[in-house]
Amino acid sequence: MPTGAVSRVPQGYPVVLRVLAEAVKVYDRLRRDAGGMNYQDLLLDAAALLRDKPQVRRYFRRRFTHLLVDEFQDTLGPGR
């Protein structure tokens, strides 16, 4: 690695983060406009349904008495 290269790397982070943040905004807009969903959308929408709709909660509470969670370590925040 050239001398001084390490000290130059952090200076580029803000630029990269701004570009990535903008890319995420574009991706989110295009996904929503196309009616698409990603995995996080599925988790968040399911959580919102269970949180906000008592009739949905009641249905699943009656329908299932136990829940098996496979690969729990792979769940995101909404999955916990």
N, C-alpha and C. Protein backbone atom coordinates (compact mmCIF):
# COMPACT_ATOMS: atom_id res chain seq x y z
N MET A 1 0.86 -1.17 0.00
CA MET A 1 0.00 0.00 0.00
C MET A 1 0.90 1.23 0.00
N PRO A 2 0.63 2.20 -0.86
CA PRO A 2 1.47 3.41 -0.91
C PRO A 2 1.41 4.18 0.40
N THR A 3 2.48 4.87 0.68
CA THR A 3 2.53 5.70 1.89
C THR A 3 1.42 6.73 1.86
N GLY A 4 0.70 6.85 2.96
CA GLY A 4 -0.37 7.84 3.04
C GLY A 4 -1.71 7.34 2.53
N ALA A 5 -1.76 6.15 1.93
CA ALA A 5 -3.02 5.65 1.37
C ALA A 5 -4.07 5.44 2.47
N VAL A 6 -3.64 4.95 3.61
CA VAL A 6 -4.59 4.70 4.69
C VAL A 6 -5.23 6.00 5.15
N SER A 7 -4.47 7.07 5.22
CA SER A 7 -5.04 8.33 5.67
C SER A 7 -5.98 8.94 4.64
N ARG A 8 -5.88 8.52 3.37
CA ARG A 8 -6.77 9.06 2.33
C ARG A 8 -8.10 8.31 2.29
N VAL A 9 -8.15 7.08 2.72
CA VAL A 9 -9.36 6.28 2.59
C VAL A 9 -10.55 6.91 3.32
N PRO A 10 -10.44 7.28 4.60
CA PRO A 10 -11.60 7.82 5.28
C PRO A 10 -12.18 9.07 4.63
N GLN A 11 -11.35 9.85 3.95
CA GLN A 11 -11.86 11.06 3.31
C GLN A 11 -12.86 10.74 2.22
N GLY A 12 -12.74 9.58 1.61
CA GLY A 12 -13.66 9.20 0.54
C GLY A 12 -14.97 8.63 1.04
N TYR A 13 -15.02 8.23 2.30
CA TYR A 13 -16.23 7.61 2.84
C TYR A 13 -17.47 8.49 2.72
N PRO A 14 -17.41 9.76 3.05
CA PRO A 14 -18.63 10.57 2.93
C PRO A 14 -19.19 10.59 1.51
N VAL A 15 -18.33 10.64 0.53
CA VAL A 15 -18.77 10.65 -0.86
C VAL A 15 -19.45 9.32 -1.19
N VAL A 16 -18.82 8.23 -0.83
CA VAL A 16 -19.38 6.91 -1.10
C VAL A 16 -20.71 6.74 -0.38
N LEU A 17 -20.78 7.16 0.86
CA LEU A 17 -22.03 7.04 1.62
C LEU A 17 -23.14 7.87 1.01
N ARG A 18 -22.83 9.06 0.52
CA ARG A 18 -23.85 9.89 -0.14
C ARG A 18 -24.36 9.21 -1.40
N VAL A 19 -23.45 8.65 -2.19
CA VAL A 19 -23.85 7.97 -3.42
C VAL A 19 -24.71 6.75 -3.09
N LEU A 20 -24.29 5.97 -2.10
CA LEU A 20 -25.08 4.80 -1.73
C LEU A 20 -26.44 5.18 -1.16
N ALA A 21 -26.50 6.22 -0.36
CA ALA A 21 -27.78 6.67 0.20
C ALA A 21 -28.73 7.07 -0.92
N GLU A 22 -28.22 7.75 -1.92
CA GLU A 22 -29.05 8.15 -3.06
C GLU A 22 -29.50 6.93 -3.85
N ALA A 23 -28.60 5.96 -4.02
CA ALA A 23 -28.95 4.72 -4.74
C ALA A 23 -30.06 3.97 -4.01
N VAL A 24 -30.00 3.94 -2.69
CA VAL A 24 -31.05 3.26 -1.91
C VAL A 24 -32.38 3.98 -2.08
N LYS A 25 -32.36 5.30 -2.11
CA LYS A 25 -33.61 6.06 -2.32
C LYS A 25 -34.22 5.74 -3.68
N VAL A 26 -33.38 5.70 -4.71
CA VAL A 26 -33.85 5.39 -6.07
C VAL A 26 -34.41 3.97 -6.11
N TYR A 27 -33.67 3.01 -5.52
CA TYR A 27 -34.12 1.62 -5.48
C TYR A 27 -35.47 1.51 -4.77
N ASP A 28 -35.60 2.16 -3.61
CA ASP A 28 -36.86 2.10 -2.87
C ASP A 28 -38.01 2.68 -3.68
N ARG A 29 -37.78 3.80 -4.34
CA ARG A 29 -38.83 4.43 -5.15
C ARG A 29 -39.23 3.54 -6.32
N LEU A 30 -38.24 3.01 -7.04
CA LEU A 30 -38.54 2.14 -8.18
C LEU A 30 -39.26 0.87 -7.74
N ARG A 31 -38.84 0.30 -6.61
CA ARG A 31 -39.47 -0.90 -6.09
C ARG A 31 -40.93 -0.63 -5.73
N ARG A 32 -41.17 0.48 -5.02
CA ARG A 32 -42.55 0.83 -4.64
C ARG A 32 -43.40 1.11 -5.87
N ASP A 33 -42.84 1.88 -6.82
CA ASP A 33 -43.60 2.22 -8.03
C ASP A 33 -43.98 0.97 -8.83
N ALA A 34 -43.13 -0.04 -8.80
CA ALA A 34 -43.40 -1.28 -9.54
C ALA A 34 -44.27 -2.25 -8.73
N GLY A 35 -44.59 -1.86 -7.49
CA GLY A 35 -45.39 -2.74 -6.64
C GLY A 35 -44.59 -3.91 -6.08
N GLY A 36 -43.28 -3.79 -6.10
CA GLY A 36 -42.42 -4.86 -5.62
C GLY A 36 -42.17 -4.78 -4.13
N MET A 37 -41.69 -5.89 -3.61
CA MET A 37 -41.34 -5.97 -2.19
C MET A 37 -40.03 -6.72 -2.06
N ASN A 38 -39.23 -6.32 -1.09
CA ASN A 38 -38.04 -7.09 -0.78
C ASN A 38 -38.30 -7.83 0.54
N TYR A 39 -37.30 -8.57 1.00
CA TYR A 39 -37.48 -9.39 2.20
C TYR A 39 -37.81 -8.52 3.42
N GLN A 40 -37.15 -7.39 3.54
CA GLN A 40 -37.42 -6.50 4.68
C GLN A 40 -38.86 -5.98 4.62
N ASP A 41 -39.35 -5.66 3.43
CA ASP A 41 -40.74 -5.23 3.29
C ASP A 41 -41.70 -6.31 3.78
N LEU A 42 -41.42 -7.57 3.43
CA LEU A 42 -42.27 -8.67 3.85
C LEU A 42 -42.32 -8.76 5.38
N LEU A 43 -41.16 -8.66 6.01
CA LEU A 43 -41.11 -8.73 7.47
C LEU A 43 -41.84 -7.55 8.11
N LEU A 44 -41.56 -6.35 7.62
CA LEU A 44 -42.17 -5.16 8.21
C LEU A 44 -43.68 -5.13 8.00
N ASP A 45 -44.13 -5.52 6.81
CA ASP A 45 -45.57 -5.52 6.54
C ASP A 45 -46.29 -6.59 7.38
N ALA A 46 -45.67 -7.75 7.53
CA ALA A 46 -46.27 -8.79 8.38
C ALA A 46 -46.34 -8.32 9.83
N ALA A 47 -45.29 -7.70 10.31
CA ALA A 47 -45.28 -7.18 11.68
C ALA A 47 -46.36 -6.11 11.86
N ALA A 48 -46.49 -5.22 10.87
CA ALA A 48 -47.51 -4.17 10.95
C ALA A 48 -48.92 -4.76 10.95
N LEU A 49 -49.14 -5.78 10.13
CA LEU A 49 -50.45 -6.44 10.11
C LEU A 49 -50.80 -7.01 11.48
N LEU A 50 -49.85 -7.72 12.05
CA LEU A 50 -50.10 -8.31 13.37
C LEU A 50 -50.24 -7.26 14.46
N ARG A 51 -49.49 -6.18 14.34
CA ARG A 51 -49.54 -5.12 15.35
C ARG A 51 -50.82 -4.29 15.24
N ASP A 52 -51.23 -3.99 14.01
CA ASP A 52 -52.29 -3.01 13.78
C ASP A 52 -53.69 -3.61 13.55
N LYS A 53 -53.77 -4.88 13.29
CA LYS A 53 -55.06 -5.50 12.95
C LYS A 53 -55.41 -6.60 13.95
N PRO A 54 -56.21 -6.26 14.95
CA PRO A 54 -56.57 -7.26 15.97
C PRO A 54 -57.20 -8.53 15.38
N GLN A 55 -57.98 -8.39 14.32
CA GLN A 55 -58.62 -9.57 13.74
C GLN A 55 -57.59 -10.51 13.12
N VAL A 56 -56.52 -9.97 12.57
CA VAL A 56 -55.45 -10.80 12.01
C VAL A 56 -54.72 -11.52 13.14
N ARG A 57 -54.44 -10.78 14.22
CA ARG A 57 -53.80 -11.39 15.39
C ARG A 57 -54.65 -12.54 15.94
N ARG A 58 -55.94 -12.28 16.07
CA ARG A 58 -56.84 -13.32 16.59
C ARG A 58 -56.83 -14.56 15.70
N TYR A 59 -56.90 -14.35 14.40
CA TYR A 59 -56.90 -15.48 13.47
C TYR A 59 -55.66 -16.35 13.68
N PHE A 60 -54.50 -15.72 13.69
CA PHE A 60 -53.27 -16.50 13.81
C PHE A 60 -53.08 -17.08 15.21
N ARG A 61 -53.57 -16.40 16.21
CA ARG A 61 -53.47 -16.93 17.57
C ARG A 61 -54.32 -18.19 17.71
N ARG A 62 -55.47 -18.21 17.06
CA ARG A 62 -56.34 -19.40 17.11
C ARG A 62 -55.80 -20.52 16.20
N ARG A 63 -55.27 -20.12 15.08
CA ARG A 63 -54.84 -21.09 14.06
C ARG A 63 -53.57 -21.84 14.47
N PHE A 64 -52.65 -21.14 15.10
CA PHE A 64 -51.36 -21.74 15.44
C PHE A 64 -51.10 -21.62 16.94
N THR A 65 -50.78 -22.74 17.55
CA THR A 65 -50.47 -22.72 18.98
C THR A 65 -48.96 -22.68 19.22
N HIS A 66 -48.19 -23.08 18.21
CA HIS A 66 -46.73 -23.09 18.33
C HIS A 66 -46.11 -22.52 17.05
N LEU A 67 -44.92 -22.00 17.20
CA LEU A 67 -44.22 -21.43 16.06
C LEU A 67 -42.77 -21.92 16.10
N LEU A 68 -42.33 -22.54 15.03
CA LEU A 68 -40.95 -23.00 14.91
C LEU A 68 -40.18 -21.99 14.07
N VAL A 69 -39.10 -21.48 14.61
CA VAL A 69 -38.28 -20.51 13.90
C VAL A 69 -36.97 -21.17 13.51
N ASP A 70 -36.76 -21.34 12.22
CA ASP A 70 -35.53 -21.92 11.71
C ASP A 70 -34.59 -20.80 11.29
N GLU A 71 -33.32 -20.97 11.50
CA GLU A 71 -32.32 -19.97 11.12
C GLU A 71 -32.57 -18.64 11.83
N PHE A 72 -32.89 -18.67 13.11
CA PHE A 72 -33.19 -17.46 13.86
C PHE A 72 -32.06 -16.46 13.79
N GLN A 73 -30.82 -16.93 13.71
CA GLN A 73 -29.69 -16.00 13.68
C GLN A 73 -29.70 -15.14 12.42
N ASP A 74 -30.45 -15.53 11.40
CA ASP A 74 -30.50 -14.77 10.15
C ASP A 74 -31.61 -13.73 10.13
N THR A 75 -32.39 -13.63 11.18
CA THR A 75 -33.51 -12.69 11.17
C THR A 75 -33.04 -11.27 11.37
N LEU A 76 -33.77 -10.35 10.78
CA LEU A 76 -33.49 -8.93 10.95
C LEU A 76 -34.23 -8.44 12.19
N GLY A 77 -34.06 -7.19 12.52
CA GLY A 77 -34.74 -6.61 13.67
C GLY A 77 -36.23 -6.90 13.70
N PRO A 78 -36.98 -6.67 12.60
CA PRO A 78 -38.41 -6.92 12.62
C PRO A 78 -38.76 -8.39 12.85
N GLY A 79 -37.83 -9.28 12.55
CA GLY A 79 -38.09 -10.69 12.73
C GLY A 79 -37.91 -11.18 14.14
N ARG A 80 -37.44 -10.34 15.02
CA ARG A 80 -37.18 -10.77 16.40
C ARG A 80 -38.31 -10.44 17.31
